[in-house]
Amino acid sequence: MSMSPTPLVNVVRYSALIGGIGYGIFHRRSLQKDWDAKALLHEQKQREELIKKAKEEYAKIKSAAQAKIAPVVDAVTDPEDPNFDLEKAFERWEKE
């Protein structure tokens, strides 16, 4: 003889099943929300780091370009001056 479950047992089983599914959905959503917030924060930090590196590289390039353009200030171009340096004078004339 097989014993069939009573209506009370069926109600408890299906209530537990529905409750478990509802809890699973709620828990998954809360985990997903936390993960999305962490991913967004990571992306923002990564962008800030890239911007910082780009600014540093730009500053290096700009300073190198300024060094090429800027004339040698301490170059004395008067050959009669005792501080005359031919190499510095040539560098200054090349840059000008």
C-alpha atoms as a PDB file:
ATOM      1  CA  MET A   1       0.000   0.000   0.000  1.00  0.00           C
ATOM      2  CA  SER A   2       1.396   3.376  -0.955  1.00  0.00           C
ATOM      3  CA  MET A   3       0.876   6.271   1.308  1.00  0.00           C
ATOM      4  CA  SER A   4      -0.033   9.535  -0.349  1.00  0.00           C
ATOM      5  CA  PRO A   5       0.936  12.750   1.334  1.00  0.00           C
ATOM      6  CA  THR A   6      -1.741  14.574   3.217  1.00  0.00           C
ATOM      7  CA  PRO A   7      -2.958  17.960   2.015  1.00  0.00           C
ATOM      8  CA  LEU A   8      -1.147  19.651   4.920  1.00  0.00           C
ATOM      9  CA  VAL A   9       2.189  18.108   3.875  1.00  0.00           C
ATOM     10  CA  ASN A  10       1.621  19.243   0.265  1.00  0.00           C
ATOM     11  CA  VAL A  11       0.880  22.799   1.404  1.00  0.00           C
ATOM     12  CA  VAL A  12       4.054  22.876   3.497  1.00  0.00           C
ATOM     13  CA  ARG A  13       6.152  21.433   0.632  1.00  0.00           C
ATOM     14  CA  TYR A  14       4.910  23.885  -1.979  1.00  0.00           C
ATOM     15  CA  SER A  15       5.087  26.800   0.452  1.00  0.00           C
ATOM     16  CA  ALA A  16       8.726  25.933   1.189  1.00  0.00           C
ATOM     17  CA  LEU A  17       9.424  25.598  -2.546  1.00  0.00           C
ATOM     18  CA  ILE A  18       7.851  28.970  -3.380  1.00  0.00           C
ATOM     19  CA  GLY A  19       9.575  30.605  -0.393  1.00  0.00           C
ATOM     20  CA  GLY A  20      12.942  29.198  -1.483  1.00  0.00           C
ATOM     21  CA  ILE A  21      12.494  30.446  -5.024  1.00  0.00           C
ATOM     22  CA  GLY A  22      11.480  33.901  -3.755  1.00  0.00           C
ATOM     23  CA  TYR A  23      14.479  34.036  -1.413  1.00  0.00           C
ATOM     24  CA  GLY A  24      16.795  32.949  -4.234  1.00  0.00           C
ATOM     25  CA  ILE A  25      15.524  35.713  -6.514  1.00  0.00           C
ATOM     26  CA  PHE A  26      15.850  38.346  -3.774  1.00  0.00           C
ATOM     27  CA  HIS A  27      19.342  37.175  -2.776  1.00  0.00           C
ATOM     28  CA  ARG A  28      20.530  37.075  -6.407  1.00  0.00           C
ATOM     29  CA  ARG A  29      19.342  40.648  -6.970  1.00  0.00           C
ATOM     30  CA  SER A  30      21.135  41.924  -3.868  1.00  0.00           C
ATOM     31  CA  LEU A  31      24.361  40.149  -4.889  1.00  0.00           C
ATOM     32  CA  GLN A  32      24.071  41.524  -8.428  1.00  0.00           C
ATOM     33  CA  LYS A  33      23.552  45.062  -7.094  1.00  0.00           C
ATOM     34  CA  ASP A  34      26.700  44.786  -4.947  1.00  0.00           C
ATOM     35  CA  TRP A  35      28.709  43.368  -7.840  1.00  0.00           C
ATOM     36  CA  ASP A  36      27.531  46.145 -10.192  1.00  0.00           C
ATOM     37  CA  ALA A  37      28.512  48.815  -7.652  1.00  0.00           C
ATOM     38  CA  LYS A  38      31.989  47.289  -7.244  1.00  0.00           C
ATOM     39  CA  ALA A  39      32.417  47.008 -11.019  1.00  0.00           C
ATOM     40  CA  LEU A  40      31.442  50.663 -11.477  1.00  0.00           C
ATOM     41  CA  LEU A  41      33.873  51.763  -8.762  1.00  0.00           C
ATOM     42  CA  HIS A  42      36.661  49.695 -10.350  1.00  0.00           C
ATOM     43  CA  GLU A  43      35.930  51.207 -13.763  1.00  0.00           C
ATOM     44  CA  GLN A  44      36.019  54.740 -12.338  1.00  0.00           C
ATOM     45  CA  LYS A  45      39.350  54.090 -10.600  1.00  0.00           C
ATOM     46  CA  GLN A  46      40.755  52.629 -13.800  1.00  0.00           C
ATOM     47  CA  ARG A  47      39.658  55.690 -15.797  1.00  0.00           C
ATOM     48  CA  GLU A  48      41.183  58.026 -13.202  1.00  0.00           C
ATOM     49  CA  GLU A  49      44.454  56.097 -13.378  1.00  0.00           C
ATOM     50  CA  LEU A  50      44.488  56.270 -17.184  1.00  0.00           C
ATOM     51  CA  ILE A  51      43.784  60.006 -17.101  1.00  0.00           C
ATOM     52  CA  LYS A  52      46.585  60.483 -14.583  1.00  0.00           C
ATOM     53  CA  LYS A  53      49.034  58.535 -16.761  1.00  0.00           C
ATOM     54  CA  ALA A  54      47.953  60.463 -19.861  1.00  0.00           C
ATOM     55  CA  LYS A  55      48.499  63.779 -18.090  1.00  0.00           C
ATOM     56  CA  GLU A  56      51.966  62.676 -16.977  1.00  0.00           C
ATOM     57  CA  GLU A  57      52.886  61.594 -20.514  1.00  0.00           C
ATOM     58  CA  TYR A  58      51.538  64.850 -21.924  1.00  0.00           C
ATOM     59  CA  ALA A  59      53.598  66.828 -19.426  1.00  0.00           C
ATOM     60  CA  LYS A  60      56.718  64.854 -20.413  1.00  0.00           C
ATOM     61  CA  ILE A  61      56.100  65.437 -24.112  1.00  0.00           C
ATOM     62  CA  LYS A  62      55.315  69.096 -23.578  1.00  0.00           C
ATOM     63  CA  SER A  63      58.424  69.665 -21.452  1.00  0.00           C
ATOM     64  CA  ALA A  64      60.565  67.863 -24.042  1.00  0.00           C
ATOM     65  CA  ALA A  65      59.076  70.033 -26.787  1.00  0.00           C
ATOM     66  CA  GLN A  66      59.671  73.155 -24.699  1.00  0.00           C
ATOM     67  CA  ALA A  67      63.267  72.110 -24.128  1.00  0.00           C
ATOM     68  CA  LYS A  68      63.748  71.772 -27.898  1.00  0.00           C
ATOM     69  CA  ILE A  69      62.147  75.126 -28.625  1.00  0.00           C
ATOM     70  CA  ALA A  70      63.592  77.130 -25.740  1.00  0.00           C
ATOM     71  CA  PRO A  71      66.872  78.745 -26.704  1.00  0.00           C
ATOM     72  CA  VAL A  72      69.922  78.223 -24.616  1.00  0.00           C
ATOM     73  CA  VAL A  73      69.808  81.288 -22.416  1.00  0.00           C
ATOM     74  CA  ASP A  74      73.285  81.075 -20.990  1.00  0.00           C
ATOM     75  CA  ALA A  75      74.928  80.848 -24.416  1.00  0.00           C
ATOM     76  CA  VAL A  76      77.180  83.799 -25.056  1.00  0.00           C
ATOM     77  CA  THR A  77      77.311  84.624 -28.748  1.00  0.00           C
ATOM     78  CA  ASP A  78      79.912  87.365 -28.601  1.00  0.00           C
ATOM     79  CA  PRO A  79      83.284  85.875 -29.588  1.00  0.00           C
ATOM     80  CA  GLU A  80      85.112  88.645 -27.731  1.00  0.00           C
ATOM     81  CA  ASP A  81      83.516  87.655 -24.400  1.00  0.00           C
ATOM     82  CA  PRO A  82      85.780  85.485 -22.165  1.00  0.00           C
ATOM     83  CA  ASN A  83      82.754  83.230 -21.378  1.00  0.00           C
ATOM     84  CA  PHE A  84      82.159  82.480 -25.083  1.00  0.00           C
ATOM     85  CA  ASP A  85      81.422  78.801 -25.780  1.00  0.00           C
ATOM     86  CA  LEU A  86      81.314  77.851 -29.445  1.00  0.00           C
ATOM     87  CA  GLU A  87      79.236  74.673 -28.903  1.00  0.00           C
ATOM     88  CA  LYS A  88      76.567  76.481 -26.898  1.00  0.00           C
ATOM     89  CA  ALA A  89      76.453  79.236 -29.483  1.00  0.00           C
ATOM     90  CA  PHE A  90      75.931  76.684 -32.265  1.00  0.00           C
ATOM     91  CA  GLU A  91      73.159  74.966 -30.225  1.00  0.00           C
ATOM     92  CA  ARG A  92      71.405  78.270 -29.741  1.00  0.00           C
ATOM     93  CA  TRP A  93      71.667  79.194 -33.419  1.00  0.00           C
ATOM     94  CA  GLU A  94      70.339  75.757 -34.451  1.00  0.00           C
ATOM     95  CA  LYS A  95      67.322  76.087 -32.194  1.00  0.00           C
ATOM     96  CA  GLU A  96      66.561  79.579 -33.401  1.00  0.00           C
END
